[in-house]
Amino acid sequence: ATITSGGTTNFADSVKGRFTISRDNAKNTVYLQMNTLKPEDT
């Protein structure tokens, strides 16, 4: 997954609906929240 400073996101099909991406521009930090993890996410 990727996210621009303006908030535009892009996800791999395999993670859509399970992963979310966000960022804090003030901290120059990006977060990847991964839910419903599967063994193939290893």
PDB file of all heavy atoms in Angstrom:
ATOM      1  N   ALA A   1       0.840  -1.190   0.000  1.00  0.00           N
ATOM      2  CA  ALA A   1       0.000   0.000   0.000  1.00  0.00           C
ATOM      3  C   ALA A   1       0.877   1.243   0.000  1.00  0.00           C
ATOM      4  O   ALA A   1       1.986   1.216   0.541  1.00  0.00           O
ATOM      5  CB  ALA A   1      -0.924   0.027   1.212  1.00  0.00           C
ATOM      6  N   THR A   2       0.363   2.304  -0.613  1.00  0.00           N
ATOM      7  CA  THR A   2       1.044   3.587  -0.580  1.00  0.00           C
ATOM      8  C   THR A   2       0.041   4.696  -0.311  1.00  0.00           C
ATOM      9  O   THR A   2      -1.172   4.527  -0.498  1.00  0.00           O
ATOM     10  CB  THR A   2       1.763   3.891  -1.902  1.00  0.00           C
ATOM     11  OG1 THR A   2       0.791   3.913  -2.962  1.00  0.00           O
ATOM     12  CG2 THR A   2       2.841   2.872  -2.213  1.00  0.00           C
ATOM     13  N   ILE A   3       0.578   5.838   0.129  1.00  0.00           N
ATOM     14  CA  ILE A   3      -0.257   6.995   0.390  1.00  0.00           C
ATOM     15  C   ILE A   3       0.558   8.249   0.090  1.00  0.00           C
ATOM     16  O   ILE A   3       1.742   8.322   0.428  1.00  0.00           O
ATOM     17  CB  ILE A   3      -0.774   7.001   1.847  1.00  0.00           C
ATOM     18  CG1 ILE A   3      -1.729   8.165   2.086  1.00  0.00           C
ATOM     19  CG2 ILE A   3       0.362   6.985   2.853  1.00  0.00           C
ATOM     20  CD1 ILE A   3      -2.490   8.067   3.418  1.00  0.00           C
ATOM     21  N   THR A   4      -0.067   9.210  -0.554  1.00  0.00           N
ATOM     22  CA  THR A   4       0.602  10.466  -0.830  1.00  0.00           C
ATOM     23  C   THR A   4       0.387  11.441   0.327  1.00  0.00           C
ATOM     24  O   THR A   4      -0.452  11.217   1.202  1.00  0.00           O
ATOM     25  CB  THR A   4       0.070  11.098  -2.118  1.00  0.00           C
ATOM     26  OG1 THR A   4      -1.295  11.510  -1.893  1.00  0.00           O
ATOM     27  CG2 THR A   4       0.131  10.129  -3.284  1.00  0.00           C
ATOM     28  N   SER A   5       1.115  12.538   0.292  1.00  0.00           N
ATOM     29  CA  SER A   5       0.945  13.550   1.336  1.00  0.00           C
ATOM     30  C   SER A   5      -0.457  14.144   1.303  1.00  0.00           C
ATOM     31  O   SER A   5      -0.942  14.649   2.313  1.00  0.00           O
ATOM     32  CB  SER A   5       1.994  14.646   1.197  1.00  0.00           C
ATOM     33  OG  SER A   5       1.910  15.239  -0.088  1.00  0.00           O
ATOM     34  N   GLY A   6      -1.117  14.053   0.168  1.00  0.00           N
ATOM     35  CA  GLY A   6      -2.486  14.543   0.046  1.00  0.00           C
ATOM     36  C   GLY A   6      -3.535  13.521   0.437  1.00  0.00           C
ATOM     37  O   GLY A   6      -4.735  13.828   0.436  1.00  0.00           O
ATOM     38  N   GLY A   7      -3.091  12.298   0.744  1.00  0.00           N
ATOM     39  CA  GLY A   7      -4.023  11.280   1.218  1.00  0.00           C
ATOM     40  C   GLY A   7      -4.515  10.297   0.176  1.00  0.00           C
ATOM     41  O   GLY A   7      -5.362   9.439   0.483  1.00  0.00           O
ATOM     42  N   THR A   8      -3.996  10.357  -1.028  1.00  0.00           N
ATOM     43  CA  THR A   8      -4.391   9.392  -2.051  1.00  0.00           C
ATOM     44  C   THR A   8      -3.730   8.052  -1.763  1.00  0.00           C
ATOM     45  O   THR A   8      -2.525   7.978  -1.585  1.00  0.00           O
ATOM     46  CB  THR A   8      -3.982   9.875  -3.442  1.00  0.00           C
ATOM     47  OG1 THR A   8      -4.631  11.126  -3.711  1.00  0.00           O
ATOM     48  CG2 THR A   8      -4.389   8.871  -4.509  1.00  0.00           C
ATOM     49  N   THR A   9      -4.530   7.001  -1.733  1.00  0.00           N
ATOM     50  CA  THR A   9      -4.022   5.680  -1.372  1.00  0.00           C
ATOM     51  C   THR A   9      -4.090   4.702  -2.546  1.00  0.00           C
ATOM     52  O   THR A   9      -4.868   4.880  -3.486  1.00  0.00           O
ATOM     53  CB  THR A   9      -4.820   5.088  -0.204  1.00  0.00           C
ATOM     54  OG1 THR A   9      -6.209   4.995  -0.575  1.00  0.00           O
ATOM     55  CG2 THR A   9      -4.689   5.944   1.031  1.00  0.00           C
ATOM     56  N   ASN A  10      -3.271   3.672  -2.438  1.00  0.00           N
ATOM     57  CA  ASN A  10      -3.240   2.601  -3.424  1.00  0.00           C
ATOM     58  C   ASN A  10      -2.937   1.305  -2.671  1.00  0.00           C
ATOM     59  O   ASN A  10      -2.038   1.280  -1.829  1.00  0.00           O
ATOM     60  CB  ASN A  10      -2.160   2.864  -4.478  1.00  0.00           C
ATOM     61  CG  ASN A  10      -2.145   1.811  -5.566  1.00  0.00           C
ATOM     62  OD1 ASN A  10      -3.190   1.328  -5.972  1.00  0.00           O
ATOM     63  ND2 ASN A  10      -0.967   1.463  -6.043  1.00  0.00           N
ATOM     64  N   PHE A  11      -3.709   0.261  -2.973  1.00  0.00           N
ATOM     65  CA  PHE A  11      -3.555  -1.008  -2.267  1.00  0.00           C
ATOM     66  C   PHE A  11      -3.391  -2.158  -3.244  1.00  0.00           C
ATOM     67  O   PHE A  11      -4.007  -2.171  -4.310  1.00  0.00           O
ATOM     68  CB  PHE A  11      -4.780  -1.311  -1.402  1.00  0.00           C
ATOM     69  CG  PHE A  11      -4.952  -0.406  -0.231  1.00  0.00           C
ATOM     70  CD1 PHE A  11      -5.706   0.751  -0.346  1.00  0.00           C
ATOM     71  CD2 PHE A  11      -4.364  -0.693   0.988  1.00  0.00           C
ATOM     72  CE1 PHE A  11      -5.878   1.599   0.735  1.00  0.00           C
ATOM     73  CE2 PHE A  11      -4.530   0.143   2.080  1.00  0.00           C
ATOM     74  CZ  PHE A  11      -5.279   1.294   1.950  1.00  0.00           C
ATOM     75  N   ALA A  12      -2.625  -3.154  -2.838  1.00  0.00           N
ATOM     76  CA  ALA A  12      -2.611  -4.411  -3.564  1.00  0.00           C
ATOM     77  C   ALA A  12      -3.977  -5.088  -3.398  1.00  0.00           C
ATOM     78  O   ALA A  12      -4.603  -4.975  -2.338  1.00  0.00           O
ATOM     79  CB  ALA A  12      -1.524  -5.328  -3.019  1.00  0.00           C
ATOM     80  N   ASP A  13      -4.423  -5.772  -4.427  1.00  0.00           N
ATOM     81  CA  ASP A  13      -5.727  -6.444  -4.356  1.00  0.00           C
ATOM     82  C   ASP A  13      -5.789  -7.430  -3.184  1.00  0.00           C
ATOM     83  O   ASP A  13      -6.840  -7.605  -2.563  1.00  0.00           O
ATOM     84  CB  ASP A  13      -6.017  -7.182  -5.661  1.00  0.00           C
ATOM     85  CG  ASP A  13      -6.339  -6.245  -6.803  1.00  0.00           C
ATOM     86  OD1 ASP A  13      -6.684  -5.070  -6.538  1.00  0.00           O
ATOM     87  OD2 ASP A  13      -6.253  -6.678  -7.967  1.00  0.00           O
ATOM     88  N   SER A  14      -4.660  -8.047  -2.883  1.00  0.00           N
ATOM     89  CA  SER A  14      -4.635  -9.090  -1.855  1.00  0.00           C
ATOM     90  C   SER A  14      -4.874  -8.558  -0.443  1.00  0.00           C
ATOM     91  O   SER A  14      -5.180  -9.333   0.468  1.00  0.00           O
ATOM     92  CB  SER A  14      -3.299  -9.837  -1.894  1.00  0.00           C
ATOM     93  OG  SER A  14      -2.226  -8.937  -1.673  1.00  0.00           O
ATOM     94  N   VAL A  15      -4.757  -7.242  -0.257  1.00  0.00           N
ATOM     95  CA  VAL A  15      -4.916  -6.685   1.088  1.00  0.00           C
ATOM     96  C   VAL A  15      -6.110  -5.739   1.195  1.00  0.00           C
ATOM     97  O   VAL A  15      -6.429  -5.273   2.299  1.00  0.00           O
ATOM     98  CB  VAL A  15      -3.636  -5.963   1.559  1.00  0.00           C
ATOM     99  CG1 VAL A  15      -2.431  -6.888   1.450  1.00  0.00           C
ATOM    100  CG2 VAL A  15      -3.413  -4.672   0.799  1.00  0.00           C
ATOM    101  N   LYS A  16      -6.762  -5.458   0.094  1.00  0.00           N
ATOM    102  CA  LYS A  16      -7.917  -4.551   0.125  1.00  0.00           C
ATOM    103  C   LYS A  16      -8.989  -5.083   1.072  1.00  0.00           C
ATOM    104  O   LYS A  16      -9.316  -6.265   1.064  1.00  0.00           O
ATOM    105  CB  LYS A  16      -8.488  -4.383  -1.281  1.00  0.00           C
ATOM    106  CG  LYS A  16      -7.660  -3.497  -2.177  1.00  0.00           C
ATOM    107  CD  LYS A  16      -8.280  -3.356  -3.572  1.00  0.00           C
ATOM    108  CE  LYS A  16      -7.443  -2.473  -4.464  1.00  0.00           C
ATOM    109  NZ  LYS A  16      -7.980  -2.390  -5.829  1.00  0.00           N
ATOM    110  N   GLY A  17      -9.507  -4.179   1.891  1.00  0.00           N
ATOM    111  CA  GLY A  17     -10.530  -4.567   2.850  1.00  0.00           C
ATOM    112  C   GLY A  17      -9.977  -5.078   4.161  1.00  0.00           C
ATOM    113  O   GLY A  17     -10.722  -5.219   5.136  1.00  0.00           O
ATOM    114  N   ARG A  18      -8.687  -5.383   4.194  1.00  0.00           N
ATOM    115  CA  ARG A  18      -8.071  -5.881   5.437  1.00  0.00           C
ATOM    116  C   ARG A  18      -7.032  -4.913   5.994  1.00  0.00           C
ATOM    117  O   ARG A  18      -6.875  -4.791   7.207  1.00  0.00           O
ATOM    118  CB  ARG A  18      -7.401  -7.233   5.185  1.00  0.00           C
ATOM    119  CG  ARG A  18      -8.350  -8.315   4.702  1.00  0.00           C
ATOM    120  CD  ARG A  18      -7.658  -9.680   4.662  1.00  0.00           C
ATOM    121  NE  ARG A  18      -6.543  -9.701   3.724  1.00  0.00           N
ATOM    122  CZ  ARG A  18      -5.279 -10.001   4.069  1.00  0.00           C
ATOM    123  NH1 ARG A  18      -4.984 -10.280   5.325  1.00  0.00           N
ATOM    124  NH2 ARG A  18      -4.322 -10.025   3.148  1.00  0.00           N
ATOM    125  N   PHE A  19      -6.303  -4.247   5.128  1.00  0.00           N
ATOM    126  CA  PHE A  19      -5.253  -3.308   5.536  1.00  0.00           C
ATOM    127  C   PHE A  19      -5.712  -1.878   5.279  1.00  0.00           C
ATOM    128  O   PHE A  19      -6.408  -1.599   4.300  1.00  0.00           O
ATOM    129  CB  PHE A  19      -3.977  -3.544   4.747  1.00  0.00           C
ATOM    130  CG  PHE A  19      -3.271  -4.861   5.031  1.00  0.00           C
ATOM    131  CD1 PHE A  19      -3.856  -5.864   5.782  1.00  0.00           C
ATOM    132  CD2 PHE A  19      -1.997  -5.066   4.523  1.00  0.00           C
ATOM    133  CE1 PHE A  19      -3.196  -7.053   6.028  1.00  0.00           C
ATOM    134  CE2 PHE A  19      -1.323  -6.250   4.762  1.00  0.00           C
ATOM    135  CZ  PHE A  19      -1.931  -7.251   5.508  1.00  0.00           C
ATOM    136  N   THR A  20      -5.296  -0.992   6.155  1.00  0.00           N
ATOM    137  CA  THR A  20      -5.488   0.434   5.910  1.00  0.00           C
ATOM    138  C   THR A  20      -4.142   1.144   6.080  1.00  0.00           C
ATOM    139  O   THR A  20      -3.283   0.696   6.845  1.00  0.00           O
ATOM    140  CB  THR A  20      -6.514   1.048   6.861  1.00  0.00           C
ATOM    141  OG1 THR A  20      -6.080   0.867   8.219  1.00  0.00           O
ATOM    142  CG2 THR A  20      -7.884   0.424   6.677  1.00  0.00           C
ATOM    143  N   ILE A  21      -3.978   2.230   5.359  1.00  0.00           N
ATOM    144  CA  ILE A  21      -2.756   3.018   5.448  1.00  0.00           C
ATOM    145  C   ILE A  21      -3.126   4.444   5.775  1.00  0.00           C
ATOM    146  O   ILE A  21      -4.136   4.970   5.278  1.00  0.00           O
ATOM    147  CB  ILE A  21      -1.930   2.918   4.143  1.00  0.00           C
ATOM    148  CG1 ILE A  21      -0.556   3.544   4.327  1.00  0.00           C
ATOM    149  CG2 ILE A  21      -2.677   3.524   2.957  1.00  0.00           C
ATOM    150  CD1 ILE A  21       0.417   3.228   3.188  1.00  0.00           C
ATOM    151  N   SER A  22      -2.330   5.065   6.626  1.00  0.00           N
ATOM    152  CA  SER A  22      -2.566   6.454   6.998  1.00  0.00           C
ATOM    153  C   SER A  22      -1.216   7.110   7.257  1.00  0.00           C
ATOM    154  O   SER A  22      -0.190   6.425   7.341  1.00  0.00           O
ATOM    155  CB  SER A  22      -3.459   6.524   8.247  1.00  0.00           C
ATOM    156  OG  SER A  22      -2.832   5.882   9.352  1.00  0.00           O
ATOM    157  N   ARG A  23      -1.235   8.425   7.365  1.00  0.00           N
ATOM    158  CA  ARG A  23       0.016   9.125   7.648  1.00  0.00           C
ATOM    159  C   ARG A  23      -0.250  10.367   8.461  1.00  0.00           C
ATOM    160  O   ARG A  23      -1.317  10.958   8.403  1.00  0.00           O
ATOM    161  CB  ARG A  23       0.778   9.443   6.364  1.00  0.00           C
ATOM    162  CG  ARG A  23       0.115  10.409   5.433  1.00  0.00           C
ATOM    163  CD  ARG A  23       0.873  10.488   4.112  1.00  0.00           C
ATOM    164  NE  ARG A  23       2.127  11.231   4.250  1.00  0.00           N
ATOM    165  CZ  ARG A  23       3.069  11.274   3.299  1.00  0.00           C
ATOM    166  NH1 ARG A  23       2.900  10.615   2.171  1.00  0.00           N
ATOM    167  NH2 ARG A  23       4.167  11.989   3.477  1.00  0.00           N
ATOM    168  N   ASP A  24       0.783  10.730   9.207  1.00  0.00           N
ATOM    169  CA  ASP A  24       0.790  11.982   9.961  1.00  0.00           C
ATOM    170  C   ASP A  24       1.857  12.849   9.333  1.00  0.00           C
ATOM    171  O   ASP A  24       3.057  12.634   9.554  1.00  0.00           O
ATOM    172  CB  ASP A  24       1.087  11.683  11.435  1.00  0.00           C
ATOM    173  CG  ASP A  24       1.021  12.921  12.306  1.00  0.00           C
ATOM    174  OD1 ASP A  24       1.218  14.033  11.775  1.00  0.00           O
ATOM    175  OD2 ASP A  24       0.806  12.778  13.518  1.00  0.00           O
ATOM    176  N   ASN A  25       1.447  13.791   8.534  1.00  0.00           N
ATOM    177  CA  ASN A  25       2.421  14.616   7.799  1.00  0.00           C
ATOM    178  C   ASN A  25       3.272  15.462   8.744  1.00  0.00           C
ATOM    179  O   ASN A  25       4.440  15.736   8.444  1.00  0.00           O
ATOM    180  CB  ASN A  25       1.699  15.501   6.793  1.00  0.00           C
ATOM    181  CG  ASN A  25       1.117  14.711   5.634  1.00  0.00           C
ATOM    182  OD1 ASN A  25       1.644  13.662   5.257  1.00  0.00           O
ATOM    183  ND2 ASN A  25       0.036  15.200   5.066  1.00  0.00           N
ATOM    184  N   ALA A  26       2.723  15.852   9.851  1.00  0.00           N
ATOM    185  CA  ALA A  26       3.483  16.657  10.807  1.00  0.00           C
ATOM    186  C   ALA A  26       4.649  15.861  11.396  1.00  0.00           C
ATOM    187  O   ALA A  26       5.673  16.434  11.779  1.00  0.00           O
ATOM    188  CB  ALA A  26       2.574  17.156  11.915  1.00  0.00           C
ATOM    189  N   LYS A  27       4.482  14.541  11.468  1.00  0.00           N
ATOM    190  CA  LYS A  27       5.519  13.667  12.027  1.00  0.00           C
ATOM    191  C   LYS A  27       6.281  12.907  10.940  1.00  0.00           C
ATOM    192  O   LYS A  27       7.148  12.087  11.252  1.00  0.00           O
ATOM    193  CB  LYS A  27       4.903  12.672  12.999  1.00  0.00           C
ATOM    194  CG  LYS A  27       4.269  13.300  14.221  1.00  0.00           C
ATOM    195  CD  LYS A  27       3.683  12.238  15.148  1.00  0.00           C
ATOM    196  CE  LYS A  27       3.076  12.859  16.390  1.00  0.00           C
ATOM    197  NZ  LYS A  27       2.492  11.829  17.298  1.00  0.00           N
ATOM    198  N   ASN A  28       5.937  13.145   9.683  1.00  0.00           N
ATOM    199  CA  ASN A  28       6.557  12.408   8.563  1.00  0.00           C
ATOM    200  C   ASN A  28       6.484  10.902   8.792  1.00  0.00           C
ATOM    201  O   ASN A  28       7.450  10.173   8.538  1.00  0.00           O
ATOM    202  CB  ASN A  28       8.018  12.835   8.371  1.00  0.00           C
ATOM    203  CG  ASN A  28       8.156  14.297   8.040  1.00  0.00           C
ATOM    204  OD1 ASN A  28       7.323  14.877   7.358  1.00  0.00           O
ATOM    205  ND2 ASN A  28       9.213  14.913   8.554  1.00  0.00           N
ATOM    206  N   THR A  29       5.368  10.439   9.264  1.00  0.00           N
ATOM    207  CA  THR A  29       5.205   9.035   9.644  1.00  0.00           C
ATOM    208  C   THR A  29       4.018   8.419   8.927  1.00  0.00           C
ATOM    209  O   THR A  29       2.954   9.049   8.823  1.00  0.00           O
ATOM    210  CB  THR A  29       5.022   8.902  11.167  1.00  0.00           C
ATOM    211  OG1 THR A  29       6.166   9.434  11.828  1.00  0.00           O
ATOM    212  CG2 THR A  29       4.846   7.445  11.572  1.00  0.00           C
ATOM    213  N   VAL A  30       4.223   7.193   8.460  1.00  0.00           N
ATOM    214  CA  VAL A  30       3.163   6.437   7.808  1.00  0.00           C
ATOM    215  C   VAL A  30       2.873   5.188   8.645  1.00  0.00           C
ATOM    216  O   VAL A  30       3.778   4.622   9.261  1.00  0.00           O
ATOM    217  CB  VAL A  30       3.556   6.048   6.365  1.00  0.00           C
ATOM    218  CG1 VAL A  30       4.776   5.139   6.325  1.00  0.00           C
ATOM    219  CG2 VAL A  30       2.385   5.425   5.627  1.00  0.00           C
ATOM    220  N   TYR A  31       1.606   4.820   8.660  1.00  0.00           N
ATOM    221  CA  TYR A  31       1.160   3.675   9.449  1.00  0.00           C
ATOM    222  C   TYR A  31       0.450   2.672   8.546  1.00  0.00           C
ATOM    223  O   TYR A  31      -0.317   3.064   7.657  1.00  0.00           O
ATOM    224  CB  TYR A  31       0.188   4.120  10.539  1.00  0.00           C
ATOM    225  CG  TYR A  31       0.725   5.199  11.428  1.00  0.00           C
ATOM    226  CD1 TYR A  31       0.418   6.538  11.194  1.00  0.00           C
ATOM    227  CD2 TYR A  31       1.554   4.898  12.506  1.00  0.00           C
ATOM    228  CE1 TYR A  31       0.917   7.546  11.993  1.00  0.00           C
ATOM    229  CE2 TYR A  31       2.057   5.898  13.317  1.00  0.00           C
ATOM    230  CZ  TYR A  31       1.732   7.222  13.062  1.00  0.00           C
ATOM    231  OH  TYR A  31       2.244   8.205  13.861  1.00  0.00           O
ATOM    232  N   LEU A  32       0.687   1.402   8.804  1.00  0.00           N
ATOM    233  CA  LEU A  32      -0.033   0.351   8.095  1.00  0.00           C
ATOM    234  C   LEU A  32      -0.754  -0.497   9.137  1.00  0.00           C
ATOM    235  O   LEU A  32      -0.114  -1.195   9.920  1.00  0.00           O
ATOM    236  CB  LEU A  32       0.921  -0.521   7.271  1.00  0.00           C
ATOM    237  CG  LEU A  32       0.246  -1.607   6.440  1.00  0.00           C
ATOM    238  CD1 LEU A  32      -0.531  -0.975   5.280  1.00  0.00           C
ATOM    239  CD2 LEU A  32       1.268  -2.610   5.898  1.00  0.00           C
ATOM    240  N   GLN A  33      -2.071  -0.402   9.149  1.00  0.00           N
ATOM    241  CA  GLN A  33      -2.880  -1.214  10.051  1.00  0.00           C
ATOM    242  C   GLN A  33      -3.288  -2.476   9.308  1.00  0.00           C
ATOM    243  O   GLN A  33      -3.962  -2.402   8.275  1.00  0.00           O
ATOM    244  CB  GLN A  33      -4.112  -0.447  10.507  1.00  0.00           C
ATOM    245  CG  GLN A  33      -5.035  -1.237  11.413  1.00  0.00           C
ATOM    246  CD  GLN A  33      -4.416  -1.562  12.750  1.00  0.00           C
ATOM    247  OE1 GLN A  33      -3.767  -0.720  13.367  1.00  0.00           O
ATOM    248  NE2 GLN A  33      -4.601  -2.803  13.210  1.00  0.00           N
ATOM    249  N   MET A  34      -2.860  -3.604   9.829  1.00  0.00           N
ATOM    250  CA  MET A  34      -3.120  -4.881   9.174  1.00  0.00           C
ATOM    251  C   MET A  34      -4.082  -5.696  10.033  1.00  0.00           C
ATOM    252  O   MET A  34      -3.744  -6.055  11.171  1.00  0.00           O
ATOM    253  CB  MET A  34      -1.806  -5.644   8.974  1.00  0.00           C
ATOM    254  CG  MET A  34      -0.764  -4.849   8.199  1.00  0.00           C
ATOM    255  SD  MET A  34       0.735  -5.790   7.864  1.00  0.00           S
ATOM    256  CE  MET A  34       1.402  -5.944   9.512  1.00  0.00           C
ATOM    257  N   ASN A  35      -5.248  -5.962   9.501  1.00  0.00           N
ATOM    258  CA  ASN A  35      -6.266  -6.733  10.200  1.00  0.00           C
ATOM    259  C   ASN A  35      -6.542  -8.035   9.462  1.00  0.00           C
ATOM    260  O   ASN A  35      -6.210  -8.182   8.279  1.00  0.00           O
ATOM    261  CB  ASN A  35      -7.554  -5.918  10.306  1.00  0.00           C
ATOM    262  CG  ASN A  35      -7.384  -4.644  11.096  1.00  0.00           C
ATOM    263  OD1 ASN A  35      -6.615  -4.592  12.065  1.00  0.00           O
ATOM    264  ND2 ASN A  35      -8.107  -3.609  10.703  1.00  0.00           N
ATOM    265  N   THR A  36      -7.183  -8.948  10.165  1.00  0.00           N
ATOM    266  CA  THR A  36      -7.544 -10.245   9.583  1.00  0.00           C
ATOM    267  C   THR A  36      -6.345 -10.863   8.864  1.00  0.00           C
ATOM    268  O   THR A  36      -6.426 -11.271   7.699  1.00  0.00           O
ATOM    269  CB  THR A  36      -8.741 -10.103   8.624  1.00  0.00           C
ATOM    270  OG1 THR A  36      -9.711  -9.212   9.161  1.00  0.00           O
ATOM    271  CG2 THR A  36      -9.407 -11.461   8.414  1.00  0.00           C
ATOM    272  N   LEU A  37      -5.237 -10.893   9.542  1.00  0.00           N
ATOM    273  CA  LEU A  37      -4.006 -11.377   8.926  1.00  0.00           C
ATOM    274  C   LEU A  37      -4.090 -12.857   8.587  1.00  0.00           C
ATOM    275  O   LEU A  37      -4.708 -13.651   9.314  1.00  0.00           O
ATOM    276  CB  LEU A  37      -2.818 -11.100   9.837  1.00  0.00           C
ATOM    277  CG  LEU A  37      -2.335  -9.643   9.814  1.00  0.00           C
ATOM    278  CD1 LEU A  37      -1.531  -9.309  11.042  1.00  0.00           C
ATOM    279  CD2 LEU A  37      -1.530  -9.388   8.546  1.00  0.00           C
ATOM    280  N   LYS A  38      -3.447 -13.201   7.474  1.00  0.00           N
ATOM    281  CA  LYS A  38      -3.423 -14.576   6.973  1.00  0.00           C
ATOM    282  C   LYS A  38      -1.980 -15.077   6.930  1.00  0.00           C
ATOM    283  O   LYS A  38      -1.048 -14.267   6.825  1.00  0.00           O
ATOM    284  CB  LYS A  38      -4.007 -14.621   5.566  1.00  0.00           C
ATOM    285  CG  LYS A  38      -5.410 -14.057   5.438  1.00  0.00           C
ATOM    286  CD  LYS A  38      -5.845 -14.031   3.980  1.00  0.00           C
ATOM    287  CE  LYS A  38      -7.227 -13.445   3.807  1.00  0.00           C
ATOM    288  NZ  LYS A  38      -7.657 -13.425   2.388  1.00  0.00           N
ATOM    289  N   PRO A  39      -1.777 -16.381   6.961  1.00  0.00           N
ATOM    290  CA  PRO A  39      -0.406 -16.895   6.855  1.00  0.00           C
ATOM    291  C   PRO A  39       0.320 -16.385   5.616  1.00  0.00           C
ATOM    292  O   PRO A  39       1.536 -16.162   5.669  1.00  0.00           O
ATOM    293  CB  PRO A  39      -0.622 -18.410   6.808  1.00  0.00           C
ATOM    294  CG  PRO A  39      -1.870 -18.637   7.585  1.00  0.00           C
ATOM    295  CD  PRO A  39      -2.740 -17.461   7.254  1.00  0.00           C
ATOM    296  N   GLU A  40      -0.403 -16.175   4.534  1.00  0.00           N
ATOM    297  CA  GLU A  40       0.239 -15.690   3.304  1.00  0.00           C
ATOM    298  C   GLU A  40       0.674 -14.232   3.384  1.00  0.00           C
ATOM    299  O   GLU A  40       1.335 -13.725   2.476  1.00  0.00           O
ATOM    300  CB  GLU A  40      -0.670 -15.892   2.090  1.00  0.00           C
ATOM    301  CG  GLU A  40      -2.077 -15.367   2.259  1.00  0.00           C
ATOM    302  CD  GLU A  40      -3.049 -16.466   2.679  1.00  0.00           C
ATOM    303  OE1 GLU A  40      -2.699 -17.281   3.562  1.00  0.00           O
ATOM    304  OE2 GLU A  40      -4.174 -16.495   2.129  1.00  0.00           O
ATOM    305  N   ASP A  41       0.323 -13.548   4.467  1.00  0.00           N
ATOM    306  CA  ASP A  41       0.832 -12.193   4.698  1.00  0.00           C
ATOM    307  C   ASP A  41       2.226 -12.212   5.318  1.00  0.00           C
ATOM    308  O   ASP A  41       2.856 -11.160   5.465  1.00  0.00           O
ATOM    309  CB  ASP A  41      -0.117 -11.413   5.612  1.00  0.00           C
ATOM    310  CG  ASP A  41      -1.470 -11.158   4.987  1.00  0.00           C
ATOM    311  OD1 ASP A  41      -1.515 -10.789   3.794  1.00  0.00           O
ATOM    312  OD2 ASP A  41      -2.486 -11.323   5.688  1.00  0.00           O
ATOM    313  N   THR A  42       2.694 -13.389   5.694  1.00  0.00           N
ATOM    314  CA  THR A  42       4.033 -13.504   6.266  1.00  0.00           C
ATOM    315  C   THR A  42       5.075 -13.042   5.257  1.00  0.00           C
ATOM    316  O   THR A  42       5.105 -13.509   4.118  1.00  0.00           O
ATOM    317  CB  THR A  42       4.309 -14.961   6.671  1.00  0.00           C
ATOM    318  OG1 THR A  42       3.399 -15.338   7.705  1.00  0.00           O
ATOM    319  CG2 THR A  42       5.741 -15.133   7.152  1.00  0.00           C
TER     320      THR A  42
END
